[in-house]
Amino acid sequence: MLSCRELVRHSSEYVEGELTGWSKWSLKLHLFICRRCSRYVRHLRTTIDALAMLGRGQTEPSREFMARMQQRYRDWAVAHDQPGS
């Protein structure tokens, strides 16, 4: 099973539907068991959805912007003893 740290590393791929096979299922299993990681992925999805809503009718946020936001969230998670810390 994935560790919390591994889940955080692959969470963007999971949320964007890029994981397949065993990688996807082992991540889902971890989310089923770990409340903190479930919360982390839920917050990540909410952030991505909010950014997408802001971008409707406009240019979507750049990959660089999204990467910076994801890194800031990971940094926040470490500082607040969330998954991946």
PDB file of N, CA and C in Angstrom:
ATOM      1  N   MET A   1       0.845  -1.186   0.000  1.00  0.00           N
ATOM      2  CA  MET A   1       0.000   0.000   0.000  1.00  0.00           C
ATOM      3  C   MET A   1       0.885   1.242   0.000  1.00  0.00           C
ATOM      4  N   LEU A   2       0.383   2.299  -0.609  1.00  0.00           N
ATOM      5  CA  LEU A   2       1.119   3.562  -0.669  1.00  0.00           C
ATOM      6  C   LEU A   2       1.258   4.194   0.713  1.00  0.00           C
ATOM      7  N   SER A   3       2.340   4.899   0.913  1.00  0.00           N
ATOM      8  CA  SER A   3       2.477   5.723   2.109  1.00  0.00           C
ATOM      9  C   SER A   3       1.786   7.060   1.842  1.00  0.00           C
ATOM     10  N   CYS A   4       1.551   7.835   2.869  1.00  0.00           N
ATOM     11  CA  CYS A   4       0.950   9.163   2.704  1.00  0.00           C
ATOM     12  C   CYS A   4       1.829  10.029   1.795  1.00  0.00           C
ATOM     13  N   ARG A   5       3.112   9.949   1.983  1.00  0.00           N
ATOM     14  CA  ARG A   5       4.055  10.738   1.175  1.00  0.00           C
ATOM     15  C   ARG A   5       3.929  10.379  -0.312  1.00  0.00           C
ATOM     16  N   GLU A   6       3.815   9.090  -0.613  1.00  0.00           N
ATOM     17  CA  GLU A   6       3.673   8.650  -2.005  1.00  0.00           C
ATOM     18  C   GLU A   6       2.338   9.114  -2.587  1.00  0.00           C
ATOM     19  N   LEU A   7       1.299   9.071  -1.767  1.00  0.00           N
ATOM     20  CA  LEU A   7       0.000   9.526  -2.228  1.00  0.00           C
ATOM     21  C   LEU A   7       0.059  10.994  -2.621  1.00  0.00           C
ATOM     22  N   VAL A   8       0.664  11.820  -1.792  1.00  0.00           N
ATOM     23  CA  VAL A   8       0.773  13.248  -2.099  1.00  0.00           C
ATOM     24  C   VAL A   8       1.522  13.445  -3.416  1.00  0.00           C
ATOM     25  N   ARG A   9       2.567  12.670  -3.615  1.00  0.00           N
ATOM     26  CA  ARG A   9       3.371  12.792  -4.836  1.00  0.00           C
ATOM     27  C   ARG A   9       2.549  12.473  -6.089  1.00  0.00           C
ATOM     28  N   HIS A  10       1.579  11.568  -5.987  1.00  0.00           N
ATOM     29  CA  HIS A  10       0.799  11.142  -7.153  1.00  0.00           C
ATOM     30  C   HIS A  10      -0.625  11.692  -7.155  1.00  0.00           C
ATOM     31  N   SER A  11      -0.959  12.549  -6.210  1.00  0.00           N
ATOM     32  CA  SER A  11      -2.343  13.011  -6.081  1.00  0.00           C
ATOM     33  C   SER A  11      -2.811  13.825  -7.284  1.00  0.00           C
ATOM     34  N   SER A  12      -1.970  14.639  -7.856  1.00  0.00           N
ATOM     35  CA  SER A  12      -2.380  15.427  -9.024  1.00  0.00           C
ATOM     36  C   SER A  12      -2.698  14.518 -10.201  1.00  0.00           C
ATOM     37  N   GLU A  13      -1.856  13.511 -10.402  1.00  0.00           N
ATOM     38  CA  GLU A  13      -2.106  12.547 -11.480  1.00  0.00           C
ATOM     39  C   GLU A  13      -3.443  11.828 -11.257  1.00  0.00           C
ATOM     40  N   TYR A  14      -3.727  11.488 -10.018  1.00  0.00           N
ATOM     41  CA  TYR A  14      -4.973  10.794  -9.684  1.00  0.00           C
ATOM     42  C   TYR A  14      -6.173  11.696  -9.971  1.00  0.00           C
ATOM     43  N   VAL A  15      -6.122  12.926  -9.469  1.00  0.00           N
ATOM     44  CA  VAL A  15      -7.234  13.854  -9.634  1.00  0.00           C
ATOM     45  C   VAL A  15      -7.476  14.154 -11.119  1.00  0.00           C
ATOM     46  N   GLU A  16      -6.417  14.213 -11.895  1.00  0.00           N
ATOM     47  CA  GLU A  16      -6.548  14.510 -13.320  1.00  0.00           C
ATOM     48  C   GLU A  16      -6.843  13.268 -14.161  1.00  0.00           C
ATOM     49  N   GLY A  17      -7.010  12.099 -13.511  1.00  0.00           N
ATOM     50  CA  GLY A  17      -7.385  10.878 -14.208  1.00  0.00           C
ATOM     51  C   GLY A  17      -6.263  10.244 -15.004  1.00  0.00           C
ATOM     52  N   GLU A  18      -5.025  10.532 -14.635  1.00  0.00           N
ATOM     53  CA  GLU A  18      -3.876  10.016 -15.382  1.00  0.00           C
ATOM     54  C   GLU A  18      -3.356   8.682 -14.857  1.00  0.00           C
ATOM     55  N   LEU A  19      -3.785   8.253 -13.691  1.00  0.00           N
ATOM     56  CA  LEU A  19      -3.328   6.965 -13.150  1.00  0.00           C
ATOM     57  C   LEU A  19      -4.202   5.841 -13.680  1.00  0.00           C
ATOM     58  N   THR A  20      -3.585   4.695 -13.908  1.00  0.00           N
ATOM     59  CA  THR A  20      -4.328   3.527 -14.375  1.00  0.00           C
ATOM     60  C   THR A  20      -3.853   2.295 -13.608  1.00  0.00           C
ATOM     61  N   GLY A  21      -4.587   1.219 -13.775  1.00  0.00           N
ATOM     62  CA  GLY A  21      -4.185  -0.069 -13.224  1.00  0.00           C
ATOM     63  C   GLY A  21      -3.950  -0.057 -11.719  1.00  0.00           C
ATOM     64  N   TRP A  22      -2.885  -0.751 -11.335  1.00  0.00           N
ATOM     65  CA  TRP A  22      -2.573  -0.925  -9.915  1.00  0.00           C
ATOM     66  C   TRP A  22      -2.299   0.402  -9.218  1.00  0.00           C
ATOM     67  N   SER A  23      -1.657   1.343  -9.904  1.00  0.00           N
ATOM     68  CA  SER A  23      -1.365   2.650  -9.293  1.00  0.00           C
ATOM     69  C   SER A  23      -2.651   3.325  -8.840  1.00  0.00           C
ATOM     70  N   LYS A  24      -3.645   3.304  -9.705  1.00  0.00           N
ATOM     71  CA  LYS A  24      -4.937   3.923  -9.382  1.00  0.00           C
ATOM     72  C   LYS A  24      -5.609   3.202  -8.219  1.00  0.00           C
ATOM     73  N   TRP A  25      -5.620   1.865  -8.252  1.00  0.00           N
ATOM     74  CA  TRP A  25      -6.318   1.104  -7.214  1.00  0.00           C
ATOM     75  C   TRP A  25      -5.613   1.161  -5.870  1.00  0.00           C
ATOM     76  N   SER A  26      -4.291   1.190  -5.870  1.00  0.00           N
ATOM     77  CA  SER A  26      -3.590   1.283  -4.584  1.00  0.00           C
ATOM     78  C   SER A  26      -3.800   2.664  -3.968  1.00  0.00           C
ATOM     79  N   LEU A  27      -3.896   3.692  -4.808  1.00  0.00           N
ATOM     80  CA  LEU A  27      -4.181   5.026  -4.291  1.00  0.00           C
ATOM     81  C   LEU A  27      -5.602   5.089  -3.735  1.00  0.00           C
ATOM     82  N   LYS A  28      -6.551   4.497  -4.457  1.00  0.00           N
ATOM     83  CA  LYS A  28      -7.940   4.473  -3.971  1.00  0.00           C
ATOM     84  C   LYS A  28      -8.047   3.724  -2.641  1.00  0.00           C
ATOM     85  N   LEU A  29      -7.329   2.617  -2.527  1.00  0.00           N
ATOM     86  CA  LEU A  29      -7.338   1.854  -1.277  1.00  0.00           C
ATOM     87  C   LEU A  29      -6.811   2.712  -0.128  1.00  0.00           C
ATOM     88  N   HIS A  30      -5.724   3.415  -0.378  1.00  0.00           N
ATOM     89  CA  HIS A  30      -5.156   4.277   0.660  1.00  0.00           C
ATOM     90  C   HIS A  30      -6.171   5.350   1.059  1.00  0.00           C
ATOM     91  N   LEU A  31      -6.849   5.943   0.078  1.00  0.00           N
ATOM     92  CA  LEU A  31      -7.845   6.971   0.378  1.00  0.00           C
ATOM     93  C   LEU A  31      -9.007   6.408   1.192  1.00  0.00           C
ATOM     94  N   PHE A  32      -9.364   5.175   0.948  1.00  0.00           N
ATOM     95  CA  PHE A  32     -10.443   4.527   1.692  1.00  0.00           C
ATOM     96  C   PHE A  32     -10.064   4.366   3.166  1.00  0.00           C
ATOM     97  N   ILE A  33      -8.793   4.118   3.407  1.00  0.00           N
ATOM     98  CA  ILE A  33      -8.320   3.840   4.760  1.00  0.00           C
ATOM     99  C   ILE A  33      -7.889   5.105   5.515  1.00  0.00           C
ATOM    100  N   CYS A  34      -7.300   6.063   4.810  1.00  0.00           N
ATOM    101  CA  CYS A  34      -6.668   7.218   5.463  1.00  0.00           C
ATOM    102  C   CYS A  34      -7.518   8.489   5.326  1.00  0.00           C
ATOM    103  N   ARG A  35      -8.070   8.920   6.434  1.00  0.00           N
ATOM    104  CA  ARG A  35      -8.913  10.116   6.460  1.00  0.00           C
ATOM    105  C   ARG A  35      -8.148  11.375   6.095  1.00  0.00           C
ATOM    106  N   ARG A  36      -6.921  11.472   6.565  1.00  0.00           N
ATOM    107  CA  ARG A  36      -6.131  12.679   6.301  1.00  0.00           C
ATOM    108  C   ARG A  36      -5.818  12.821   4.821  1.00  0.00           C
ATOM    109  N   CYS A  37      -5.484  11.730   4.166  1.00  0.00           N
ATOM    110  CA  CYS A  37      -5.197  11.786   2.731  1.00  0.00           C
ATOM    111  C   CYS A  37      -6.477  12.032   1.936  1.00  0.00           C
ATOM    112  N   SER A  38      -7.584  11.477   2.384  1.00  0.00           N
ATOM    113  CA  SER A  38      -8.868  11.744   1.725  1.00  0.00           C
ATOM    114  C   SER A  38      -9.178  13.230   1.769  1.00  0.00           C
ATOM    115  N   ARG A  39      -8.936  13.841   2.916  1.00  0.00           N
ATOM    116  CA  ARG A  39      -9.143  15.280   3.068  1.00  0.00           C
ATOM    117  C   ARG A  39      -8.207  16.056   2.148  1.00  0.00           C
ATOM    118  N   TYR A  40      -6.951  15.621   2.058  1.00  0.00           N
ATOM    119  CA  TYR A  40      -5.967  16.280   1.202  1.00  0.00           C
ATOM    120  C   TYR A  40      -6.428  16.259  -0.263  1.00  0.00           C
ATOM    121  N   VAL A  41      -6.853  15.091  -0.753  1.00  0.00           N
ATOM    122  CA  VAL A  41      -7.289  14.976  -2.152  1.00  0.00           C
ATOM    123  C   VAL A  41      -8.572  15.781  -2.372  1.00  0.00           C
ATOM    124  N   ARG A  42      -9.461  15.773  -1.410  1.00  0.00           N
ATOM    125  CA  ARG A  42     -10.690  16.569  -1.520  1.00  0.00           C
ATOM    126  C   ARG A  42     -10.356  18.055  -1.641  1.00  0.00           C
ATOM    127  N   HIS A  43      -9.408  18.535  -0.841  1.00  0.00           N
ATOM    128  CA  HIS A  43      -9.000  19.942  -0.911  1.00  0.00           C
ATOM    129  C   HIS A  43      -8.313  20.245  -2.240  1.00  0.00           C
ATOM    130  N   LEU A  44      -7.509  19.319  -2.716  1.00  0.00           N
ATOM    131  CA  LEU A  44      -6.847  19.505  -4.005  1.00  0.00           C
ATOM    132  C   LEU A  44      -7.884  19.614  -5.122  1.00  0.00           C
ATOM    133  N   ARG A  45      -8.877  18.733  -5.115  1.00  0.00           N
ATOM    134  CA  ARG A  45      -9.944  18.795  -6.125  1.00  0.00           C
ATOM    135  C   ARG A  45     -10.704  20.112  -6.044  1.00  0.00           C
ATOM    136  N   THR A  46     -11.010  20.543  -4.832  1.00  0.00           N
ATOM    137  CA  THR A  46     -11.735  21.801  -4.649  1.00  0.00           C
ATOM    138  C   THR A  46     -10.931  22.963  -5.217  1.00  0.00           C
ATOM    139  N   THR A  47      -9.633  22.973  -4.956  1.00  0.00           N
ATOM    140  CA  THR A  47      -8.770  24.032  -5.473  1.00  0.00           C
ATOM    141  C   THR A  47      -8.748  24.023  -6.996  1.00  0.00           C
ATOM    142  N   ILE A  48      -8.580  22.857  -7.585  1.00  0.00           N
ATOM    143  CA  ILE A  48      -8.549  22.743  -9.043  1.00  0.00           C
ATOM    144  C   ILE A  48      -9.888  23.169  -9.643  1.00  0.00           C
ATOM    145  N   ASP A  49     -10.994  22.745  -9.031  1.00  0.00           N
ATOM    146  CA  ASP A  49     -12.318  23.127  -9.523  1.00  0.00           C
ATOM    147  C   ASP A  49     -12.538  24.634  -9.427  1.00  0.00           C
ATOM    148  N   ALA A  50     -12.105  25.237  -8.319  1.00  0.00           N
ATOM    149  CA  ALA A  50     -12.253  26.687  -8.145  1.00  0.00           C
ATOM    150  C   ALA A  50     -11.450  27.442  -9.194  1.00  0.00           C
ATOM    151  N   LEU A  51     -10.253  26.984  -9.455  1.00  0.00           N
ATOM    152  CA  LEU A  51      -9.430  27.628 -10.483  1.00  0.00           C
ATOM    153  C   LEU A  51     -10.049  27.471 -11.862  1.00  0.00           C
ATOM    154  N   ALA A  52     -10.641  26.319 -12.119  1.00  0.00           N
ATOM    155  CA  ALA A  52     -11.292  26.094 -13.408  1.00  0.00           C
ATOM    156  C   ALA A  52     -12.495  27.026 -13.581  1.00  0.00           C
ATOM    157  N   MET A  53     -13.254  27.229 -12.498  1.00  0.00           N
ATOM    158  CA  MET A  53     -14.403  28.137 -12.569  1.00  0.00           C
ATOM    159  C   MET A  53     -13.947  29.562 -12.846  1.00  0.00           C
ATOM    160  N   LEU A  54     -12.848  29.973 -12.267  1.00  0.00           N
ATOM    161  CA  LEU A  54     -12.324  31.309 -12.521  1.00  0.00           C
ATOM    162  C   LEU A  54     -11.910  31.467 -13.974  1.00  0.00           C
ATOM    163  N   GLY A  55     -11.464  30.375 -14.573  1.00  0.00           N
ATOM    164  CA  GLY A  55     -10.962  30.430 -15.930  1.00  0.00           C
ATOM    165  C   GLY A  55     -12.017  30.298 -17.006  1.00  0.00           C
ATOM    166  N   ARG A  56     -13.245  29.992 -16.652  1.00  0.00           N
ATOM    167  CA  ARG A  56     -14.292  29.834 -17.679  1.00  0.00           C
ATOM    168  C   ARG A  56     -14.501  31.161 -18.393  1.00  0.00           C
ATOM    169  N   GLY A  57     -14.478  31.070 -19.701  1.00  0.00           N
ATOM    170  CA  GLY A  57     -14.647  32.288 -20.490  1.00  0.00           C
ATOM    171  C   GLY A  57     -13.353  33.058 -20.625  1.00  0.00           C
ATOM    172  N   GLN A  58     -12.326  32.602 -19.966  1.00  0.00           N
ATOM    173  CA  GLN A  58     -11.024  33.241 -20.008  1.00  0.00           C
ATOM    174  C   GLN A  58      -9.995  32.171 -20.306  1.00  0.00           C
ATOM    175  N   THR A  59      -8.764  32.569 -20.376  1.00  0.00           N
ATOM    176  CA  THR A  59      -7.680  31.616 -20.548  1.00  0.00           C
ATOM    177  C   THR A  59      -7.552  30.793 -19.275  1.00  0.00           C
ATOM    178  N   GLU A  60      -7.382  29.483 -19.423  1.00  0.00           N
ATOM    179  CA  GLU A  60      -7.203  28.625 -18.252  1.00  0.00           C
ATOM    180  C   GLU A  60      -5.871  28.920 -17.586  1.00  0.00           C
ATOM    181  N   PRO A  61      -5.764  28.651 -16.287  1.00  0.00           N
ATOM    182  CA  PRO A  61      -4.487  28.861 -15.599  1.00  0.00           C
ATOM    183  C   PRO A  61      -3.391  28.040 -16.270  1.00  0.00           C
ATOM    184  N   SER A  62      -2.219  28.605 -16.342  1.00  0.00           N
ATOM    185  CA  SER A  62      -1.099  27.906 -16.977  1.00  0.00           C
ATOM    186  C   SER A  62      -0.663  26.713 -16.134  1.00  0.00           C
ATOM    187  N   ARG A  63       0.043  25.788 -16.762  1.00  0.00           N
ATOM    188  CA  ARG A  63       0.590  24.633 -16.042  1.00  0.00           C
ATOM    189  C   ARG A  63       1.549  25.098 -14.950  1.00  0.00           C
ATOM    190  N   GLU A  64       2.304  26.148 -15.241  1.00  0.00           N
ATOM    191  CA  GLU A  64       3.247  26.672 -14.249  1.00  0.00           C
ATOM    192  C   GLU A  64       2.512  27.184 -13.017  1.00  0.00           C
ATOM    193  N   PHE A  65       1.397  27.905 -13.252  1.00  0.00           N
ATOM    194  CA  PHE A  65       0.603  28.408 -12.147  1.00  0.00           C
ATOM    195  C   PHE A  65       0.039  27.258 -11.315  1.00  0.00           C
ATOM    196  N   MET A  66      -0.500  26.253 -12.004  1.00  0.00           N
ATOM    197  CA  MET A  66      -1.058  25.099 -11.298  1.00  0.00           C
ATOM    198  C   MET A  66       0.029  24.379 -10.508  1.00  0.00           C
ATOM    199  N   ALA A  67       1.210  24.236 -11.085  1.00  0.00           N
ATOM    200  CA  ALA A  67       2.317  23.574 -10.382  1.00  0.00           C
ATOM    201  C   ALA A  67       2.702  24.361  -9.136  1.00  0.00           C
ATOM    202  N   ARG A  68       2.744  25.681  -9.245  1.00  0.00           N
ATOM    203  CA  ARG A  68       3.074  26.513  -8.069  1.00  0.00           C
ATOM    204  C   ARG A  68       2.013  26.363  -6.991  1.00  0.00           C
ATOM    205  N   MET A  69       0.735  26.350  -7.392  1.00  0.00           N
ATOM    206  CA  MET A  69      -0.349  26.189  -6.414  1.00  0.00           C
ATOM    207  C   MET A  69      -0.252  24.833  -5.713  1.00  0.00           C
ATOM    208  N   GLN A  70       0.023  23.789  -6.491  1.00  0.00           N
ATOM    209  CA  GLN A  70       0.142  22.456  -5.906  1.00  0.00           C
ATOM    210  C   GLN A  70       1.321  22.400  -4.949  1.00  0.00           C
ATOM    211  N   GLN A  71       2.437  23.025  -5.302  1.00  0.00           N
ATOM    212  CA  GLN A  71       3.595  23.024  -4.413  1.00  0.00           C
ATOM    213  C   GLN A  71       3.296  23.803  -3.138  1.00  0.00           C
ATOM    214  N   ARG A  72       2.610  24.920  -3.260  1.00  0.00           N
ATOM    215  CA  ARG A  72       2.243  25.693  -2.069  1.00  0.00           C
ATOM    216  C   ARG A  72       1.347  24.872  -1.149  1.00  0.00           C
ATOM    217  N   TYR A  73       0.420  24.129  -1.746  1.00  0.00           N
ATOM    218  CA  TYR A  73      -0.453  23.304  -0.923  1.00  0.00           C
ATOM    219  C   TYR A  73       0.338  22.190  -0.244  1.00  0.00           C
ATOM    220  N   ARG A  74       1.263  21.582  -0.966  1.00  0.00           N
ATOM    221  CA  ARG A  74       2.107  20.548  -0.356  1.00  0.00           C
ATOM    222  C   ARG A  74       2.925  21.134   0.791  1.00  0.00           C
ATOM    223  N   ASP A  75       3.485  22.325   0.581  1.00  0.00           N
ATOM    224  CA  ASP A  75       4.245  22.988   1.643  1.00  0.00           C
ATOM    225  C   ASP A  75       3.360  23.258   2.855  1.00  0.00           C
ATOM    226  N   TRP A  76       2.121  23.699   2.591  1.00  0.00           N
ATOM    227  CA  TRP A  76       1.185  23.949   3.676  1.00  0.00           C
ATOM    228  C   TRP A  76       0.895  22.645   4.421  1.00  0.00           C
ATOM    229  N   ALA A  77       0.708  21.564   3.657  1.00  0.00           N
ATOM    230  CA  ALA A  77       0.393  20.269   4.272  1.00  0.00           C
ATOM    231  C   ALA A  77       1.520  19.828   5.191  1.00  0.00           C
ATOM    232  N   VAL A  78       2.759  20.017   4.783  1.00  0.00           N
ATOM    233  CA  VAL A  78       3.906  19.647   5.622  1.00  0.00           C
ATOM    234  C   VAL A  78       3.918  20.517   6.883  1.00  0.00           C
ATOM    235  N   ALA A  79       3.710  21.803   6.717  1.00  0.00           N
ATOM    236  CA  ALA A  79       3.739  22.722   7.865  1.00  0.00           C
ATOM    237  C   ALA A  79       2.593  22.461   8.853  1.00  0.00           C
ATOM    238  N   HIS A  80       1.496  21.911   8.367  1.00  0.00           N
ATOM    239  CA  HIS A  80       0.327  21.667   9.218  1.00  0.00           C
ATOM    240  C   HIS A  80       0.112  20.196   9.505  1.00  0.00           C
ATOM    241  N   ASP A  81       1.180  19.399   9.350  1.00  0.00           N
ATOM    242  CA  ASP A  81       1.153  17.985   9.699  1.00  0.00           C
ATOM    243  C   ASP A  81       0.039  17.235   8.973  1.00  0.00           C
ATOM    244  N   GLN A  82      -0.099  17.505   7.683  1.00  0.00           N
ATOM    245  CA  GLN A  82      -1.061  16.818   6.842  1.00  0.00           C
ATOM    246  C   GLN A  82      -0.337  15.692   6.126  1.00  0.00           C
ATOM    247  N   PRO A  83      -1.027  14.910   5.295  1.00  0.00           N
ATOM    248  CA  PRO A  83      -0.396  13.805   4.577  1.00  0.00           C
ATOM    249  C   PRO A  83       0.853  14.272   3.836  1.00  0.00           C
ATOM    250  N   GLY A  84       1.859  13.458   3.876  1.00  0.00           N
ATOM    251  CA  GLY A  84       3.098  13.785   3.190  1.00  0.00           C
ATOM    252  C   GLY A  84       4.114  14.465   4.069  1.00  0.00           C
ATOM    253  N   SER A  85       3.728  14.795   5.284  1.00  0.00           N
ATOM    254  CA  SER A  85       4.672  15.476   6.177  1.00  0.00           C
ATOM    255  C   SER A  85       5.518  14.493   6.934  1.00  0.00           C
TER     256      SER A  85
END
